[in-house]
Amino acid sequence: MSNIVYLNGTFMPIEDAHVPVLDRGFIFGDGVYEVIPVYGGQPFRLAEHLRRLQNSLDKVRINNPHSAEEWTHLAGDIVKRNTGADQ
């Protein structure tokens, strides 16, 4: 089973994920990231990661595309769609 990712509103196999060459983050390097480990099938300290993500987005003036509740739901979906208790 391939790894499943979420990109631009769609879940897809990682090998199908592509960033358009005209994407602002690609051209200018605008962006932030937050790595959220998963242990025992549960995202580790998710609320803290989401707060840090929001703080980072605020500092570089990028709108958050999702609420904390939406991110929580998406994180749960990603965990369910991929194999392994630790991710």
PDB file of N, CA and C in Angstrom:
ATOM      1  N   MET A   1       0.847  -1.183   0.000  1.00  0.00           N
ATOM      2  CA  MET A   1       0.000   0.000   0.000  1.00  0.00           C
ATOM      3  C   MET A   1       0.893   1.246   0.000  1.00  0.00           C
ATOM      4  N   SER A   2       0.593   2.194  -0.867  1.00  0.00           N
ATOM      5  CA  SER A   2       1.399   3.407  -0.932  1.00  0.00           C
ATOM      6  C   SER A   2       0.993   4.383   0.166  1.00  0.00           C
ATOM      7  N   ASN A   3       1.882   5.308   0.461  1.00  0.00           N
ATOM      8  CA  ASN A   3       1.566   6.353   1.427  1.00  0.00           C
ATOM      9  C   ASN A   3       0.548   7.304   0.821  1.00  0.00           C
ATOM     10  N   ILE A   4      -0.408   7.721   1.631  1.00  0.00           N
ATOM     11  CA  ILE A   4      -1.456   8.640   1.200  1.00  0.00           C
ATOM     12  C   ILE A   4      -1.161  10.014   1.786  1.00  0.00           C
ATOM     13  N   VAL A   5      -1.282  11.039   0.949  1.00  0.00           N
ATOM     14  CA  VAL A   5      -1.073  12.418   1.372  1.00  0.00           C
ATOM     15  C   VAL A   5      -2.330  13.232   1.083  1.00  0.00           C
ATOM     16  N   TYR A   6      -2.385  14.419   1.664  1.00  0.00           N
ATOM     17  CA  TYR A   6      -3.482  15.354   1.425  1.00  0.00           C
ATOM     18  C   TYR A   6      -2.887  16.596   0.785  1.00  0.00           C
ATOM     19  N   LEU A   7      -3.321  16.928  -0.425  1.00  0.00           N
ATOM     20  CA  LEU A   7      -2.787  18.076  -1.149  1.00  0.00           C
ATOM     21  C   LEU A   7      -3.919  18.801  -1.853  1.00  0.00           C
ATOM     22  N   ASN A   8      -4.040  20.083  -1.546  1.00  0.00           N
ATOM     23  CA  ASN A   8      -5.045  20.930  -2.210  1.00  0.00           C
ATOM     24  C   ASN A   8      -6.453  20.344  -2.163  1.00  0.00           C
ATOM     25  N   GLY A   9      -6.824  19.821  -0.995  1.00  0.00           N
ATOM     26  CA  GLY A   9      -8.181  19.327  -0.795  1.00  0.00           C
ATOM     27  C   GLY A   9      -8.443  17.906  -1.242  1.00  0.00           C
ATOM     28  N   THR A  10      -7.391  17.179  -1.630  1.00  0.00           N
ATOM     29  CA  THR A  10      -7.571  15.824  -2.139  1.00  0.00           C
ATOM     30  C   THR A  10      -6.589  14.855  -1.481  1.00  0.00           C
ATOM     31  N   PHE A  11      -7.097  13.681  -1.096  1.00  0.00           N
ATOM     32  CA  PHE A  11      -6.235  12.597  -0.638  1.00  0.00           C
ATOM     33  C   PHE A  11      -5.767  11.844  -1.874  1.00  0.00           C
ATOM     34  N   MET A  12      -4.470  11.504  -1.916  1.00  0.00           N
ATOM     35  CA  MET A  12      -3.921  10.810  -3.087  1.00  0.00           C
ATOM     36  C   MET A  12      -2.669  10.054  -2.696  1.00  0.00           C
ATOM     37  N   PRO A  13      -2.272   9.067  -3.520  1.00  0.00           N
ATOM     38  CA  PRO A  13      -0.989   8.401  -3.283  1.00  0.00           C
ATOM     39  C   PRO A  13       0.141   9.428  -3.410  1.00  0.00           C
ATOM     40  N   ILE A  14       1.167   9.287  -2.591  1.00  0.00           N
ATOM     41  CA  ILE A  14       2.254  10.260  -2.573  1.00  0.00           C
ATOM     42  C   ILE A  14       2.893  10.427  -3.953  1.00  0.00           C
ATOM     43  N   GLU A  15       2.956   9.356  -4.723  1.00  0.00           N
ATOM     44  CA  GLU A  15       3.592   9.465  -6.044  1.00  0.00           C
ATOM     45  C   GLU A  15       2.769  10.299  -7.033  1.00  0.00           C
ATOM     46  N   ASP A  16       1.503  10.556  -6.715  1.00  0.00           N
ATOM     47  CA  ASP A  16       0.660  11.404  -7.572  1.00  0.00           C
ATOM     48  C   ASP A  16       0.659  12.874  -7.136  1.00  0.00           C
ATOM     49  N   ALA A  17       1.279  13.175  -6.012  1.00  0.00           N
ATOM     50  CA  ALA A  17       1.270  14.548  -5.485  1.00  0.00           C
ATOM     51  C   ALA A  17       2.314  15.398  -6.209  1.00  0.00           C
ATOM     52  N   HIS A  18       1.866  16.504  -6.768  1.00  0.00           N
ATOM     53  CA  HIS A  18       2.751  17.418  -7.496  1.00  0.00           C
ATOM     54  C   HIS A  18       2.390  18.857  -7.146  1.00  0.00           C
ATOM     55  N   VAL A  19       3.398  19.689  -6.975  1.00  0.00           N
ATOM     56  CA  VAL A  19       3.186  21.109  -6.719  1.00  0.00           C
ATOM     57  C   VAL A  19       3.332  21.851  -8.045  1.00  0.00           C
ATOM     58  N   PRO A  20       2.352  22.661  -8.434  1.00  0.00           N
ATOM     59  CA  PRO A  20       2.457  23.398  -9.694  1.00  0.00           C
ATOM     60  C   PRO A  20       3.676  24.322  -9.700  1.00  0.00           C
ATOM     61  N   VAL A  21       4.316  24.433 -10.842  1.00  0.00           N
ATOM     62  CA  VAL A  21       5.526  25.244 -10.960  1.00  0.00           C
ATOM     63  C   VAL A  21       5.248  26.716 -10.640  1.00  0.00           C
ATOM     64  N   LEU A  22       4.030  27.184 -10.793  1.00  0.00           N
ATOM     65  CA  LEU A  22       3.691  28.575 -10.491  1.00  0.00           C
ATOM     66  C   LEU A  22       3.171  28.766  -9.067  1.00  0.00           C
ATOM     67  N   ASP A  23       3.235  27.738  -8.239  1.00  0.00           N
ATOM     68  CA  ASP A  23       2.829  27.853  -6.839  1.00  0.00           C
ATOM     69  C   ASP A  23       3.703  28.888  -6.136  1.00  0.00           C
ATOM     70  N   ARG A  24       3.094  29.813  -5.427  1.00  0.00           N
ATOM     71  CA  ARG A  24       3.840  30.883  -4.766  1.00  0.00           C
ATOM     72  C   ARG A  24       4.895  30.343  -3.802  1.00  0.00           C
ATOM     73  N   GLY A  25       4.565  29.295  -3.063  1.00  0.00           N
ATOM     74  CA  GLY A  25       5.542  28.695  -2.156  1.00  0.00           C
ATOM     75  C   GLY A  25       6.735  28.128  -2.900  1.00  0.00           C
ATOM     76  N   PHE A  26       6.494  27.584  -4.090  1.00  0.00           N
ATOM     77  CA  PHE A  26       7.569  27.040  -4.917  1.00  0.00           C
ATOM     78  C   PHE A  26       8.443  28.165  -5.476  1.00  0.00           C
ATOM     79  N   ILE A  27       7.807  29.214  -5.975  1.00  0.00           N
ATOM     80  CA  ILE A  27       8.546  30.311  -6.609  1.00  0.00           C
ATOM     81  C   ILE A  27       9.303  31.154  -5.581  1.00  0.00           C
ATOM     82  N   PHE A  28       8.631  31.552  -4.510  1.00  0.00           N
ATOM     83  CA  PHE A  28       9.210  32.491  -3.549  1.00  0.00           C
ATOM     84  C   PHE A  28       9.675  31.842  -2.248  1.00  0.00           C
ATOM     85  N   GLY A  29       9.338  30.576  -2.051  1.00  0.00           N
ATOM     86  CA  GLY A  29       9.717  29.914  -0.806  1.00  0.00           C
ATOM     87  C   GLY A  29       8.837  30.313   0.364  1.00  0.00           C
ATOM     88  N   ASP A  30       7.671  30.907   0.094  1.00  0.00           N
ATOM     89  CA  ASP A  30       6.743  31.278   1.162  1.00  0.00           C
ATOM     90  C   ASP A  30       6.150  30.014   1.765  1.00  0.00           C
ATOM     91  N   GLY A  31       6.204  29.889   3.044  1.00  0.00           N
ATOM     92  CA  GLY A  31       5.559  28.749   3.664  1.00  0.00           C
ATOM     93  C   GLY A  31       6.094  28.458   5.048  1.00  0.00           C
ATOM     94  N   VAL A  32       5.373  27.654   5.758  1.00  0.00           N
ATOM     95  CA  VAL A  32       5.788  27.122   7.051  1.00  0.00           C
ATOM     96  C   VAL A  32       5.403  25.645   7.051  1.00  0.00           C
ATOM     97  N   TYR A  33       6.001  24.892   7.934  1.00  0.00           N
ATOM     98  CA  TYR A  33       5.599  23.492   8.067  1.00  0.00           C
ATOM     99  C   TYR A  33       5.639  23.100   9.524  1.00  0.00           C
ATOM    100  N   GLU A  34       4.911  22.076   9.810  1.00  0.00           N
ATOM    101  CA  GLU A  34       4.849  21.540  11.168  1.00  0.00           C
ATOM    102  C   GLU A  34       4.814  20.029  11.043  1.00  0.00           C
ATOM    103  N   VAL A  35       5.743  19.348  11.676  1.00  0.00           N
ATOM    104  CA  VAL A  35       5.792  17.887  11.652  1.00  0.00           C
ATOM    105  C   VAL A  35       5.085  17.363  12.892  1.00  0.00           C
ATOM    106  N   ILE A  36       4.136  16.477  12.683  1.00  0.00           N
ATOM    107  CA  ILE A  36       3.356  15.921  13.798  1.00  0.00           C
ATOM    108  C   ILE A  36       3.548  14.411  13.808  1.00  0.00           C
ATOM    109  N   PRO A  37       4.339  13.904  14.742  1.00  0.00           N
ATOM    110  CA  PRO A  37       4.509  12.451  14.800  1.00  0.00           C
ATOM    111  C   PRO A  37       3.244  11.762  15.306  1.00  0.00           C
ATOM    112  N   VAL A  38       3.118  10.494  14.936  1.00  0.00           N
ATOM    113  CA  VAL A  38       1.972   9.682  15.359  1.00  0.00           C
ATOM    114  C   VAL A  38       2.516   8.477  16.105  1.00  0.00           C
ATOM    115  N   TYR A  39       2.042   8.305  17.325  1.00  0.00           N
ATOM    116  CA  TYR A  39       2.440   7.163  18.155  1.00  0.00           C
ATOM    117  C   TYR A  39       1.189   6.398  18.560  1.00  0.00           C
ATOM    118  N   GLY A  40       1.212   5.103  18.344  1.00  0.00           N
ATOM    119  CA  GLY A  40       0.055   4.290  18.714  1.00  0.00           C
ATOM    120  C   GLY A  40      -1.213   4.722  18.002  1.00  0.00           C
ATOM    121  N   GLY A  41      -1.058   5.232  16.777  1.00  0.00           N
ATOM    122  CA  GLY A  41      -2.215   5.657  15.997  1.00  0.00           C
ATOM    123  C   GLY A  41      -2.776   7.012  16.390  1.00  0.00           C
ATOM    124  N   GLN A  42      -2.089   7.738  17.283  1.00  0.00           N
ATOM    125  CA  GLN A  42      -2.582   9.037  17.751  1.00  0.00           C
ATOM    126  C   GLN A  42      -1.559  10.133  17.452  1.00  0.00           C
ATOM    127  N   PRO A  43      -1.993  11.233  16.826  1.00  0.00           N
ATOM    128  CA  PRO A  43      -1.077  12.364  16.629  1.00  0.00           C
ATOM    129  C   PRO A  43      -0.582  12.866  17.992  1.00  0.00           C
ATOM    130  N   PHE A  44       0.722  13.045  18.104  1.00  0.00           N
ATOM    131  CA  PHE A  44       1.359  13.432  19.366  1.00  0.00           C
ATOM    132  C   PHE A  44       1.241  14.938  19.589  1.00  0.00           C
ATOM    133  N   ARG A  45       0.622  15.305  20.719  1.00  0.00           N
ATOM    134  CA  ARG A  45       0.473  16.703  21.120  1.00  0.00           C
ATOM    135  C   ARG A  45      -0.065  17.573  19.983  1.00  0.00           C
ATOM    136  N   LEU A  46      -1.126  17.116  19.365  1.00  0.00           N
ATOM    137  CA  LEU A  46      -1.684  17.776  18.196  1.00  0.00           C
ATOM    138  C   LEU A  46      -2.067  19.229  18.471  1.00  0.00           C
ATOM    139  N   ALA A  47      -2.718  19.488  19.588  1.00  0.00           N
ATOM    140  CA  ALA A  47      -3.143  20.865  19.894  1.00  0.00           C
ATOM    141  C   ALA A  47      -1.947  21.813  19.958  1.00  0.00           C
ATOM    142  N   GLU A  48      -0.843  21.361  20.568  1.00  0.00           N
ATOM    143  CA  GLU A  48       0.352  22.198  20.656  1.00  0.00           C
ATOM    144  C   GLU A  48       0.956  22.451  19.274  1.00  0.00           C
ATOM    145  N   HIS A  49       0.971  21.415  18.439  1.00  0.00           N
ATOM    146  CA  HIS A  49       1.489  21.577  17.078  1.00  0.00           C
ATOM    147  C   HIS A  49       0.627  22.559  16.287  1.00  0.00           C
ATOM    148  N   LEU A  50      -0.689  22.461  16.438  1.00  0.00           N
ATOM    149  CA  LEU A  50      -1.578  23.352  15.702  1.00  0.00           C
ATOM    150  C   LEU A  50      -1.443  24.798  16.170  1.00  0.00           C
ATOM    151  N   ARG A  51      -1.211  25.003  17.456  1.00  0.00           N
ATOM    152  CA  ARG A  51      -0.973  26.375  17.957  1.00  0.00           C
ATOM    153  C   ARG A  51       0.323  26.936  17.378  1.00  0.00           C
ATOM    154  N   ARG A  52       1.360  26.107  17.355  1.00  0.00           N
ATOM    155  CA  ARG A  52       2.640  26.549  16.799  1.00  0.00           C
ATOM    156  C   ARG A  52       2.502  26.837  15.301  1.00  0.00           C
ATOM    157  N   LEU A  53       1.762  26.001  14.586  1.00  0.00           N
ATOM    158  CA  LEU A  53       1.507  26.236  13.174  1.00  0.00           C
ATOM    159  C   LEU A  53       0.823  27.586  12.977  1.00  0.00           C
ATOM    160  N   GLN A  54      -0.206  27.864  13.762  1.00  0.00           N
ATOM    161  CA  GLN A  54      -0.928  29.136  13.637  1.00  0.00           C
ATOM    162  C   GLN A  54      -0.007  30.307  13.941  1.00  0.00           C
ATOM    163  N   ASN A  55       0.810  30.192  14.979  1.00  0.00           N
ATOM    164  CA  ASN A  55       1.758  31.269  15.311  1.00  0.00           C
ATOM    165  C   ASN A  55       2.720  31.519  14.158  1.00  0.00           C
ATOM    166  N   SER A  56       3.229  30.467  13.553  1.00  0.00           N
ATOM    167  CA  SER A  56       4.158  30.606  12.425  1.00  0.00           C
ATOM    168  C   SER A  56       3.468  31.250  11.227  1.00  0.00           C
ATOM    169  N   LEU A  57       2.249  30.800  10.918  1.00  0.00           N
ATOM    170  CA  LEU A  57       1.507  31.386   9.809  1.00  0.00           C
ATOM    171  C   LEU A  57       1.239  32.868  10.041  1.00  0.00           C
ATOM    172  N   ASP A  58       0.878  33.218  11.268  1.00  0.00           N
ATOM    173  CA  ASP A  58       0.621  34.628  11.603  1.00  0.00           C
ATOM    174  C   ASP A  58       1.868  35.482  11.387  1.00  0.00           C
ATOM    175  N   LYS A  59       3.017  34.960  11.774  1.00  0.00           N
ATOM    176  CA  LYS A  59       4.259  35.732  11.665  1.00  0.00           C
ATOM    177  C   LYS A  59       4.648  36.029  10.222  1.00  0.00           C
ATOM    178  N   VAL A  60       4.340  35.118   9.308  1.00  0.00           N
ATOM    179  CA  VAL A  60       4.683  35.359   7.900  1.00  0.00           C
ATOM    180  C   VAL A  60       3.458  35.802   7.083  1.00  0.00           C
ATOM    181  N   ARG A  61       2.368  36.071   7.784  1.00  0.00           N
ATOM    182  CA  ARG A  61       1.142  36.613   7.174  1.00  0.00           C
ATOM    183  C   ARG A  61       0.561  35.712   6.087  1.00  0.00           C
ATOM    184  N   ILE A  62       0.491  34.431   6.407  1.00  0.00           N
ATOM    185  CA  ILE A  62      -0.172  33.464   5.531  1.00  0.00           C
ATOM    186  C   ILE A  62      -1.461  33.030   6.216  1.00  0.00           C
ATOM    187  N   ASN A  63      -2.565  33.075   5.472  1.00  0.00           N
ATOM    188  CA  ASN A  63      -3.844  32.646   6.033  1.00  0.00           C
ATOM    189  C   ASN A  63      -3.845  31.139   6.238  1.00  0.00           C
ATOM    190  N   ASN A  64      -4.361  30.714   7.368  1.00  0.00           N
ATOM    191  CA  ASN A  64      -4.500  29.294   7.657  1.00  0.00           C
ATOM    192  C   ASN A  64      -5.699  28.775   6.858  1.00  0.00           C
ATOM    193  N   PRO A  65      -5.512  27.769   6.011  1.00  0.00           N
ATOM    194  CA  PRO A  65      -6.630  27.288   5.203  1.00  0.00           C
ATOM    195  C   PRO A  65      -7.660  26.475   5.983  1.00  0.00           C
ATOM    196  N   HIS A  66      -7.332  26.104   7.230  1.00  0.00           N
ATOM    197  CA  HIS A  66      -8.236  25.267   8.014  1.00  0.00           C
ATOM    198  C   HIS A  66      -8.277  25.729   9.467  1.00  0.00           C
ATOM    199  N   SER A  67      -9.391  25.455  10.109  1.00  0.00           N
ATOM    200  CA  SER A  67      -9.513  25.684  11.546  1.00  0.00           C
ATOM    201  C   SER A  67      -8.798  24.545  12.275  1.00  0.00           C
ATOM    202  N   ALA A  68      -8.567  24.723  13.563  1.00  0.00           N
ATOM    203  CA  ALA A  68      -7.947  23.662  14.361  1.00  0.00           C
ATOM    204  C   ALA A  68      -8.804  22.393  14.311  1.00  0.00           C
ATOM    205  N   GLU A  69     -10.119  22.550  14.327  1.00  0.00           N
ATOM    206  CA  GLU A  69     -11.016  21.396  14.237  1.00  0.00           C
ATOM    207  C   GLU A  69     -10.862  20.685  12.895  1.00  0.00           C
ATOM    208  N   GLU A  70     -10.751  21.446  11.814  1.00  0.00           N
ATOM    209  CA  GLU A  70     -10.569  20.835  10.490  1.00  0.00           C
ATOM    210  C   GLU A  70      -9.221  20.128  10.394  1.00  0.00           C
ATOM    211  N   TRP A  71      -8.155  20.763  10.921  1.00  0.00           N
ATOM    212  CA  TRP A  71      -6.831  20.115  10.923  1.00  0.00           C
ATOM    213  C   TRP A  71      -6.879  18.812  11.710  1.00  0.00           C
ATOM    214  N   THR A  72      -7.570  18.828  12.834  1.00  0.00           N
ATOM    215  CA  THR A  72      -7.681  17.625  13.671  1.00  0.00           C
ATOM    216  C   THR A  72      -8.355  16.503  12.892  1.00  0.00           C
ATOM    217  N   HIS A  73      -9.425  16.836  12.189  1.00  0.00           N
ATOM    218  CA  HIS A  73     -10.133  15.843  11.375  1.00  0.00           C
ATOM    219  C   HIS A  73      -9.226  15.331  10.250  1.00  0.00           C
ATOM    220  N   LEU A  74      -8.520  16.246   9.567  1.00  0.00           N
ATOM    221  CA  LEU A  74      -7.618  15.844   8.484  1.00  0.00           C
ATOM    222  C   LEU A  74      -6.487  14.957   8.998  1.00  0.00           C
ATOM    223  N   ALA A  75      -5.925  15.309  10.142  1.00  0.00           N
ATOM    224  CA  ALA A  75      -4.852  14.491  10.723  1.00  0.00           C
ATOM    225  C   ALA A  75      -5.359  13.082  11.012  1.00  0.00           C
ATOM    226  N   GLY A  76      -6.563  12.986  11.558  1.00  0.00           N
ATOM    227  CA  GLY A  76      -7.155  11.675  11.819  1.00  0.00           C
ATOM    228  C   GLY A  76      -7.357  10.881  10.542  1.00  0.00           C
ATOM    229  N   ASP A  77      -7.803  11.555   9.487  1.00  0.00           N
ATOM    230  CA  ASP A  77      -8.000  10.882   8.198  1.00  0.00           C
ATOM    231  C   ASP A  77      -6.679  10.377   7.627  1.00  0.00           C
ATOM    232  N   ILE A  78      -5.644  11.189   7.713  1.00  0.00           N
ATOM    233  CA  ILE A  78      -4.330  10.783   7.189  1.00  0.00           C
ATOM    234  C   ILE A  78      -3.825   9.541   7.938  1.00  0.00           C
ATOM    235  N   VAL A  79      -3.964   9.556   9.267  1.00  0.00           N
ATOM    236  CA  VAL A  79      -3.513   8.416  10.076  1.00  0.00           C
ATOM    237  C   VAL A  79      -4.266   7.152   9.658  1.00  0.00           C
ATOM    238  N   LYS A  80      -5.583   7.268   9.481  1.00  0.00           N
ATOM    239  CA  LYS A  80      -6.397   6.102   9.118  1.00  0.00           C
ATOM    240  C   LYS A  80      -6.046   5.566   7.729  1.00  0.00           C
ATOM    241  N   ARG A  81      -5.673   6.446   6.815  1.00  0.00           N
ATOM    242  CA  ARG A  81      -5.406   6.056   5.436  1.00  0.00           C
ATOM    243  C   ARG A  81      -4.007   5.471   5.240  1.00  0.00           C
ATOM    244  N   ASN A  82      -3.161   5.580   6.240  1.00  0.00           N
ATOM    245  CA  ASN A  82      -1.794   5.061   6.157  1.00  0.00           C
ATOM    246  C   ASN A  82      -1.618   3.941   7.167  1.00  0.00           C
ATOM    247  N   THR A  83      -0.684   3.048   6.887  1.00  0.00           N
ATOM    248  CA  THR A  83      -0.482   1.890   7.748  1.00  0.00           C
ATOM    249  C   THR A  83       0.533   2.185   8.836  1.00  0.00           C
ATOM    250  N   GLY A  84       0.424   1.458   9.908  1.00  0.00           N
ATOM    251  CA  GLY A  84       1.385   1.570  11.009  1.00  0.00           C
ATOM    252  C   GLY A  84       0.854   2.417  12.146  1.00  0.00           C
ATOM    253  N   ALA A  85       1.061   1.946  13.350  1.00  0.00           N
ATOM    254  CA  ALA A  85       0.619   2.693  14.532  1.00  0.00           C
ATOM    255  C   ALA A  85       1.499   3.910  14.772  1.00  0.00           C
ATOM    256  N   ASP A  86       2.759   3.834  14.379  1.00  0.00           N
ATOM    257  CA  ASP A  86       3.696   4.950  14.516  1.00  0.00           C
ATOM    258  C   ASP A  86       4.009   5.489  13.125  1.00  0.00           C
ATOM    259  N   GLN A  87       3.777   6.766  12.956  1.00  0.00           N
ATOM    260  CA  GLN A  87       3.981   7.387  11.639  1.00  0.00           C
ATOM    261  C   GLN A  87       4.735   8.686  11.785  1.00  0.00           C
TER     262      GLN A  87
END
